[in-house]
Amino acid sequence: MQFQVILFFCIAVFFNALANILIKTSSMQDKQVTPGDGFWNLVFTVFNPYFIAGLASFGLALLGYRYVLGKGLKLSLAYPVFTSSGFIIVLIASSVFFKERLNFTQWLGISFILVGVWLTALQMFDVNS
């Protein structure tokens, strides 16, 4: 049972990070905003395939997260690990896919977050069957 909870938790974190990456990708495809095009810009955004995939990914992340909380995962530990893990994935993915440069301070922050996630996760998976 614990393996299934951990697996769903990791999948939920992945979909949450993926959703953020897809939303960023969709925003990069926006055409130049001109006065009077507000409606068409909205239509273009709503029907952008990356935007739709991002919304779907947020939905899948939410369902997975709800599932693991229902299986006894402690909210006080799950939420910090969920958000900080997603933060790290998005930071690194932004560097890889969007060529956003990470400086020394950001790498140091990632290191501290990883240590915090590891320390928190040691007790997080004390789930009830």
N, C-alpha and C. Protein backbone atom coordinates (compact mmCIF):
# COMPACT_ATOMS: atom_id res chain seq x y z
N MET A 1 0.82 -1.20 0.00
CA MET A 1 0.00 0.00 0.00
C MET A 1 0.86 1.26 0.00
N GLN A 2 1.93 1.28 0.76
CA GLN A 2 2.78 2.47 0.85
C GLN A 2 3.42 2.78 -0.49
N PHE A 3 3.84 1.78 -1.24
CA PHE A 3 4.45 2.03 -2.56
C PHE A 3 3.47 2.74 -3.48
N GLN A 4 2.22 2.32 -3.46
CA GLN A 4 1.20 2.93 -4.32
C GLN A 4 0.99 4.40 -3.95
N VAL A 5 0.97 4.71 -2.67
CA VAL A 5 0.80 6.09 -2.22
C VAL A 5 1.98 6.94 -2.66
N ILE A 6 3.19 6.43 -2.49
CA ILE A 6 4.39 7.15 -2.90
C ILE A 6 4.38 7.37 -4.41
N LEU A 7 4.01 6.34 -5.16
CA LEU A 7 3.97 6.45 -6.62
C LEU A 7 2.96 7.52 -7.06
N PHE A 8 1.77 7.49 -6.50
CA PHE A 8 0.76 8.50 -6.86
C PHE A 8 1.19 9.90 -6.44
N PHE A 9 1.86 9.99 -5.31
CA PHE A 9 2.36 11.29 -4.86
C PHE A 9 3.38 11.83 -5.85
N CYS A 10 4.31 11.00 -6.28
CA CYS A 10 5.33 11.42 -7.26
C CYS A 10 4.69 11.80 -8.60
N ILE A 11 3.69 11.05 -9.02
CA ILE A 11 2.99 11.37 -10.26
C ILE A 11 2.27 12.71 -10.13
N ALA A 12 1.66 12.97 -8.98
CA ALA A 12 0.97 14.25 -8.76
C ALA A 12 1.96 15.41 -8.80
N VAL A 13 3.13 15.24 -8.19
CA VAL A 13 4.17 16.28 -8.22
C VAL A 13 4.60 16.52 -9.67
N PHE A 14 4.80 15.44 -10.42
CA PHE A 14 5.22 15.56 -11.82
C PHE A 14 4.18 16.34 -12.64
N PHE A 15 2.90 15.99 -12.49
CA PHE A 15 1.86 16.68 -13.27
C PHE A 15 1.72 18.15 -12.87
N ASN A 16 1.94 18.44 -11.59
CA ASN A 16 1.89 19.83 -11.15
C ASN A 16 3.01 20.64 -11.81
N ALA A 17 4.21 20.09 -11.83
CA ALA A 17 5.34 20.77 -12.47
C ALA A 17 5.12 20.86 -13.98
N LEU A 18 4.65 19.79 -14.58
CA LEU A 18 4.37 19.79 -16.01
C LEU A 18 3.35 20.86 -16.38
N ALA A 19 2.34 21.01 -15.55
CA ALA A 19 1.31 22.02 -15.81
C ALA A 19 1.92 23.41 -15.86
N ASN A 20 2.80 23.72 -14.94
CA ASN A 20 3.45 25.03 -14.94
C ASN A 20 4.30 25.24 -16.18
N ILE A 21 5.00 24.21 -16.61
CA ILE A 21 5.83 24.29 -17.81
C ILE A 21 4.96 24.49 -19.05
N LEU A 22 3.85 23.77 -19.12
CA LEU A 22 2.95 23.91 -20.27
C LEU A 22 2.28 25.28 -20.31
N ILE A 23 1.91 25.81 -19.15
CA ILE A 23 1.30 27.14 -19.12
C ILE A 23 2.32 28.18 -19.58
N LYS A 24 3.56 28.05 -19.15
CA LYS A 24 4.61 28.97 -19.61
C LYS A 24 4.79 28.85 -21.13
N THR A 25 4.81 27.63 -21.64
CA THR A 25 4.94 27.41 -23.08
C THR A 25 3.80 28.06 -23.84
N SER A 26 2.59 27.92 -23.32
CA SER A 26 1.45 28.54 -24.00
C SER A 26 1.55 30.06 -23.99
N SER A 27 2.07 30.62 -22.91
CA SER A 27 2.18 32.08 -22.83
C SER A 27 3.23 32.62 -23.79
N MET A 28 4.20 31.81 -24.12
CA MET A 28 5.24 32.24 -25.06
C MET A 28 4.71 32.29 -26.49
N GLN A 29 3.57 31.68 -26.74
CA GLN A 29 2.98 31.67 -28.07
C GLN A 29 1.98 32.78 -28.28
N ASP A 30 1.74 33.56 -27.22
CA ASP A 30 0.79 34.67 -27.37
C ASP A 30 1.29 35.65 -28.41
N LYS A 31 0.37 36.09 -29.25
CA LYS A 31 0.74 37.10 -30.23
C LYS A 31 0.78 38.46 -29.54
N GLN A 32 1.34 39.43 -30.19
CA GLN A 32 1.41 40.77 -29.62
C GLN A 32 0.01 41.27 -29.31
N VAL A 33 -0.16 41.76 -28.11
CA VAL A 33 -1.46 42.28 -27.71
C VAL A 33 -1.62 43.67 -28.29
N THR A 34 -2.73 43.85 -29.00
CA THR A 34 -3.04 45.17 -29.54
C THR A 34 -4.38 45.61 -29.00
N PRO A 35 -4.57 46.90 -28.80
CA PRO A 35 -5.86 47.36 -28.29
C PRO A 35 -7.00 46.90 -29.21
N GLY A 36 -8.05 46.44 -28.61
CA GLY A 36 -9.21 45.99 -29.39
C GLY A 36 -9.18 44.52 -29.72
N ASP A 37 -8.06 43.84 -29.49
CA ASP A 37 -7.97 42.41 -29.77
C ASP A 37 -8.18 41.57 -28.51
N GLY A 38 -8.65 42.17 -27.45
CA GLY A 38 -8.79 41.47 -26.17
C GLY A 38 -9.57 40.18 -26.27
N PHE A 39 -10.70 40.21 -26.97
CA PHE A 39 -11.53 39.01 -27.09
C PHE A 39 -10.78 37.91 -27.84
N TRP A 40 -10.16 38.27 -28.96
CA TRP A 40 -9.47 37.25 -29.76
C TRP A 40 -8.23 36.72 -29.06
N ASN A 41 -7.57 37.56 -28.28
CA ASN A 41 -6.44 37.07 -27.49
C ASN A 41 -6.91 36.05 -26.45
N LEU A 42 -8.07 36.32 -25.87
CA LEU A 42 -8.64 35.38 -24.91
C LEU A 42 -8.99 34.06 -25.59
N VAL A 43 -9.61 34.13 -26.76
CA VAL A 43 -9.96 32.92 -27.51
C VAL A 43 -8.70 32.14 -27.88
N PHE A 44 -7.68 32.87 -28.35
CA PHE A 44 -6.41 32.23 -28.72
C PHE A 44 -5.79 31.52 -27.51
N THR A 45 -5.86 32.15 -26.35
CA THR A 45 -5.29 31.56 -25.13
C THR A 45 -6.06 30.33 -24.71
N VAL A 46 -7.38 30.43 -24.68
CA VAL A 46 -8.20 29.33 -24.18
C VAL A 46 -8.08 28.09 -25.07
N PHE A 47 -7.91 28.28 -26.37
CA PHE A 47 -7.84 27.14 -27.28
C PHE A 47 -6.42 26.75 -27.65
N ASN A 48 -5.44 27.33 -26.97
CA ASN A 48 -4.05 26.95 -27.19
C ASN A 48 -3.86 25.53 -26.64
N PRO A 49 -3.34 24.60 -27.45
CA PRO A 49 -3.20 23.21 -26.99
C PRO A 49 -2.30 23.08 -25.75
N TYR A 50 -1.27 23.92 -25.64
CA TYR A 50 -0.41 23.85 -24.46
C TYR A 50 -1.15 24.32 -23.21
N PHE A 51 -2.00 25.32 -23.37
CA PHE A 51 -2.80 25.81 -22.25
C PHE A 51 -3.78 24.74 -21.80
N ILE A 52 -4.44 24.10 -22.75
CA ILE A 52 -5.40 23.03 -22.42
C ILE A 52 -4.68 21.86 -21.74
N ALA A 53 -3.51 21.49 -22.26
CA ALA A 53 -2.74 20.41 -21.64
C ALA A 53 -2.28 20.80 -20.24
N GLY A 54 -1.94 22.08 -20.06
CA GLY A 54 -1.55 22.56 -18.73
C GLY A 54 -2.69 22.47 -17.74
N LEU A 55 -3.89 22.88 -18.17
CA LEU A 55 -5.06 22.76 -17.30
C LEU A 55 -5.35 21.30 -16.96
N ALA A 56 -5.24 20.43 -17.96
CA ALA A 56 -5.46 19.00 -17.72
C ALA A 56 -4.42 18.45 -16.74
N SER A 57 -3.18 18.90 -16.87
CA SER A 57 -2.12 18.45 -15.96
C SER A 57 -2.39 18.93 -14.53
N PHE A 58 -2.86 20.17 -14.39
CA PHE A 58 -3.24 20.64 -13.05
C PHE A 58 -4.34 19.76 -12.47
N GLY A 59 -5.31 19.40 -13.32
CA GLY A 59 -6.41 18.55 -12.87
C GLY A 59 -5.92 17.18 -12.43
N LEU A 60 -5.03 16.58 -13.20
CA LEU A 60 -4.48 15.27 -12.83
C LEU A 60 -3.66 15.35 -11.54
N ALA A 61 -2.90 16.44 -11.40
CA ALA A 61 -2.13 16.64 -10.17
C ALA A 61 -3.06 16.74 -8.96
N LEU A 62 -4.14 17.48 -9.13
CA LEU A 62 -5.11 17.65 -8.05
C LEU A 62 -5.75 16.31 -7.67
N LEU A 63 -6.11 15.52 -8.67
CA LEU A 63 -6.72 14.21 -8.38
C LEU A 63 -5.73 13.28 -7.68
N GLY A 64 -4.49 13.26 -8.13
CA GLY A 64 -3.48 12.42 -7.49
C GLY A 64 -3.20 12.86 -6.07
N TYR A 65 -3.12 14.16 -5.86
CA TYR A 65 -2.85 14.71 -4.53
C TYR A 65 -4.01 14.39 -3.58
N ARG A 66 -5.23 14.53 -4.08
CA ARG A 66 -6.40 14.20 -3.27
C ARG A 66 -6.40 12.72 -2.90
N TYR A 67 -6.01 11.88 -3.85
CA TYR A 67 -5.97 10.44 -3.61
C TYR A 67 -5.01 10.10 -2.47
N VAL A 68 -3.80 10.65 -2.52
CA VAL A 68 -2.81 10.29 -1.50
C VAL A 68 -3.18 10.86 -0.13
N LEU A 69 -3.82 12.03 -0.12
CA LEU A 69 -4.28 12.57 1.17
C LEU A 69 -5.36 11.67 1.76
N GLY A 70 -6.20 11.13 0.89
CA GLY A 70 -7.25 10.21 1.35
C GLY A 70 -6.71 8.88 1.84
N LYS A 71 -5.50 8.55 1.44
CA LYS A 71 -4.88 7.29 1.88
C LYS A 71 -4.09 7.46 3.18
N GLY A 72 -4.22 8.62 3.80
CA GLY A 72 -3.61 8.81 5.11
C GLY A 72 -2.34 9.63 5.11
N LEU A 73 -1.94 10.17 3.97
CA LEU A 73 -0.75 11.01 3.95
C LEU A 73 -1.02 12.26 4.77
N LYS A 74 -0.10 12.62 5.63
CA LYS A 74 -0.28 13.77 6.51
C LYS A 74 -0.18 15.06 5.71
N LEU A 75 -1.22 15.88 5.77
CA LEU A 75 -1.25 17.14 5.04
C LEU A 75 -0.12 18.06 5.48
N SER A 76 0.16 18.09 6.78
CA SER A 76 1.19 18.98 7.31
C SER A 76 2.58 18.66 6.76
N LEU A 77 2.76 17.46 6.27
CA LEU A 77 4.03 17.07 5.66
C LEU A 77 3.93 16.98 4.14
N ALA A 78 2.77 16.54 3.65
CA ALA A 78 2.61 16.34 2.21
C ALA A 78 2.67 17.66 1.44
N TYR A 79 2.00 18.69 1.95
CA TYR A 79 1.95 19.96 1.22
C TYR A 79 3.34 20.59 1.06
N PRO A 80 4.14 20.69 2.12
CA PRO A 80 5.48 21.26 1.91
C PRO A 80 6.34 20.46 0.94
N VAL A 81 6.26 19.14 1.01
CA VAL A 81 7.04 18.32 0.09
C VAL A 81 6.51 18.46 -1.33
N PHE A 82 5.19 18.49 -1.48
CA PHE A 82 4.56 18.63 -2.79
C PHE A 82 5.00 19.93 -3.47
N THR A 83 4.89 21.04 -2.74
CA THR A 83 5.20 22.34 -3.34
C THR A 83 6.70 22.52 -3.56
N SER A 84 7.50 22.11 -2.61
CA SER A 84 8.94 22.33 -2.77
C SER A 84 9.53 21.40 -3.84
N SER A 85 9.03 20.19 -3.95
CA SER A 85 9.50 19.29 -5.01
C SER A 85 9.13 19.85 -6.38
N GLY A 86 7.90 20.33 -6.49
CA GLY A 86 7.48 20.95 -7.74
C GLY A 86 8.31 22.18 -8.06
N PHE A 87 8.63 22.95 -7.04
CA PHE A 87 9.47 24.14 -7.20
C PHE A 87 10.82 23.77 -7.81
N ILE A 88 11.44 22.73 -7.29
CA ILE A 88 12.74 22.30 -7.79
C ILE A 88 12.64 21.81 -9.23
N ILE A 89 11.63 21.01 -9.53
CA ILE A 89 11.46 20.50 -10.89
C ILE A 89 11.25 21.64 -11.87
N VAL A 90 10.42 22.61 -11.50
CA VAL A 90 10.14 23.74 -12.40
C VAL A 90 11.39 24.59 -12.59
N LEU A 91 12.15 24.80 -11.53
CA LEU A 91 13.39 25.57 -11.64
C LEU A 91 14.37 24.94 -12.62
N ILE A 92 14.56 23.65 -12.48
CA ILE A 92 15.50 22.95 -13.36
C ILE A 92 14.95 22.86 -14.77
N ALA A 93 13.66 22.58 -14.91
CA ALA A 93 13.05 22.52 -16.25
C ALA A 93 13.11 23.87 -16.94
N SER A 94 12.94 24.95 -16.19
CA SER A 94 13.04 26.29 -16.78
C SER A 94 14.43 26.54 -17.32
N SER A 95 15.41 26.03 -16.61
CA SER A 95 16.79 26.17 -17.07
C SER A 95 17.03 25.38 -18.35
N VAL A 96 16.49 24.19 -18.40
CA VAL A 96 16.71 23.31 -19.56
C VAL A 96 15.88 23.74 -20.77
N PHE A 97 14.57 23.92 -20.58
CA PHE A 97 13.68 24.16 -21.71
C PHE A 97 13.58 25.62 -22.13
N PHE A 98 13.67 26.53 -21.17
CA PHE A 98 13.48 27.94 -21.49
C PHE A 98 14.79 28.73 -21.45
N LYS A 99 15.89 28.01 -21.21
CA LYS A 99 17.23 28.62 -21.17
C LYS A 99 17.32 29.73 -20.12
N GLU A 100 16.56 29.60 -19.05
CA GLU A 100 16.66 30.54 -17.94
C GLU A 100 17.89 30.16 -17.12
N ARG A 101 18.76 31.10 -16.91
CA ARG A 101 20.02 30.83 -16.20
C ARG A 101 19.79 30.80 -14.69
N LEU A 102 20.36 29.80 -14.06
CA LEU A 102 20.31 29.70 -12.61
C LEU A 102 21.65 30.17 -12.05
N ASN A 103 21.61 31.06 -11.08
CA ASN A 103 22.85 31.54 -10.50
C ASN A 103 23.21 30.72 -9.27
N PHE A 104 24.33 31.05 -8.67
CA PHE A 104 24.82 30.29 -7.52
C PHE A 104 23.81 30.29 -6.38
N THR A 105 23.20 31.43 -6.12
CA THR A 105 22.24 31.54 -5.04
C THR A 105 21.06 30.60 -5.27
N GLN A 106 20.59 30.49 -6.51
CA GLN A 106 19.48 29.58 -6.81
C GLN A 106 19.88 28.12 -6.61
N TRP A 107 21.09 27.76 -7.05
CA TRP A 107 21.56 26.40 -6.84
C TRP A 107 21.71 26.09 -5.36
N LEU A 108 22.18 27.07 -4.59
CA LEU A 108 22.29 26.90 -3.15
C LEU A 108 20.90 26.71 -2.54
N GLY A 109 19.94 27.50 -3.00
CA GLY A 109 18.56 27.36 -2.53
C GLY A 109 17.99 26.00 -2.85
N ILE A 110 18.25 25.52 -4.06
CA ILE A 110 17.79 24.18 -4.45
C ILE A 110 18.39 23.13 -3.50
N SER A 111 19.65 23.29 -3.18
CA SER A 111 20.31 22.34 -2.26
C SER A 111 19.63 22.34 -0.89
N PHE A 112 19.35 23.53 -0.36
CA PHE A 112 18.67 23.61 0.93
C PHE A 112 17.26 23.00 0.85
N ILE A 113 16.56 23.26 -0.23
CA ILE A 113 15.22 22.70 -0.38
C ILE A 113 15.29 21.18 -0.44
N LEU A 114 16.25 20.65 -1.18
CA LEU A 114 16.40 19.19 -1.27
C LEU A 114 16.64 18.58 0.10
N VAL A 115 17.48 19.21 0.89
CA VAL A 115 17.73 18.71 2.24
C VAL A 115 16.44 18.77 3.06
N GLY A 116 15.71 19.87 2.95
CA GLY A 116 14.45 20.01 3.67
C GLY A 116 13.42 18.98 3.24
N VAL A 117 13.32 18.75 1.93
CA VAL A 117 12.38 17.74 1.42
C VAL A 117 12.77 16.36 1.95
N TRP A 118 14.04 16.06 1.91
CA TRP A 118 14.51 14.76 2.39
C TRP A 118 14.18 14.59 3.87
N LEU A 119 14.48 15.60 4.68
CA LEU A 119 14.20 15.50 6.12
C LEU A 119 12.71 15.38 6.40
N THR A 120 11.90 16.12 5.65
CA THR A 120 10.45 16.07 5.84
C THR A 120 9.89 14.74 5.37
N ALA A 121 10.38 14.25 4.25
CA ALA A 121 9.85 13.02 3.66
C ALA A 121 10.16 11.79 4.51
N LEU A 122 11.14 11.89 5.38
CA LEU A 122 11.45 10.75 6.25
C LEU A 122 10.25 10.33 7.09
N GLN A 123 9.41 11.29 7.46
CA GLN A 123 8.25 10.98 8.30
C GLN A 123 6.93 11.11 7.55
N MET A 124 6.99 11.56 6.32
CA MET A 124 5.76 11.83 5.59
C MET A 124 4.96 10.59 5.25
N PHE A 125 5.62 9.50 4.99
CA PHE A 125 4.92 8.32 4.49
C PHE A 125 4.53 7.34 5.59
N ASP A 126 4.22 7.87 6.75
CA ASP A 126 3.67 7.08 7.83
C ASP A 126 2.16 7.04 7.63
N VAL A 127 1.73 6.24 6.61
CA VAL A 127 0.32 6.24 6.22
C VAL A 127 -0.42 5.10 6.89
N ASN A 128 -1.70 5.34 7.01
CA ASN A 128 -2.58 4.29 7.55
C ASN A 128 -3.10 3.44 6.41
N SER A 129 -3.20 2.16 6.62
CA SER A 129 -3.70 1.27 5.58
C SER A 129 -5.12 1.51 5.39
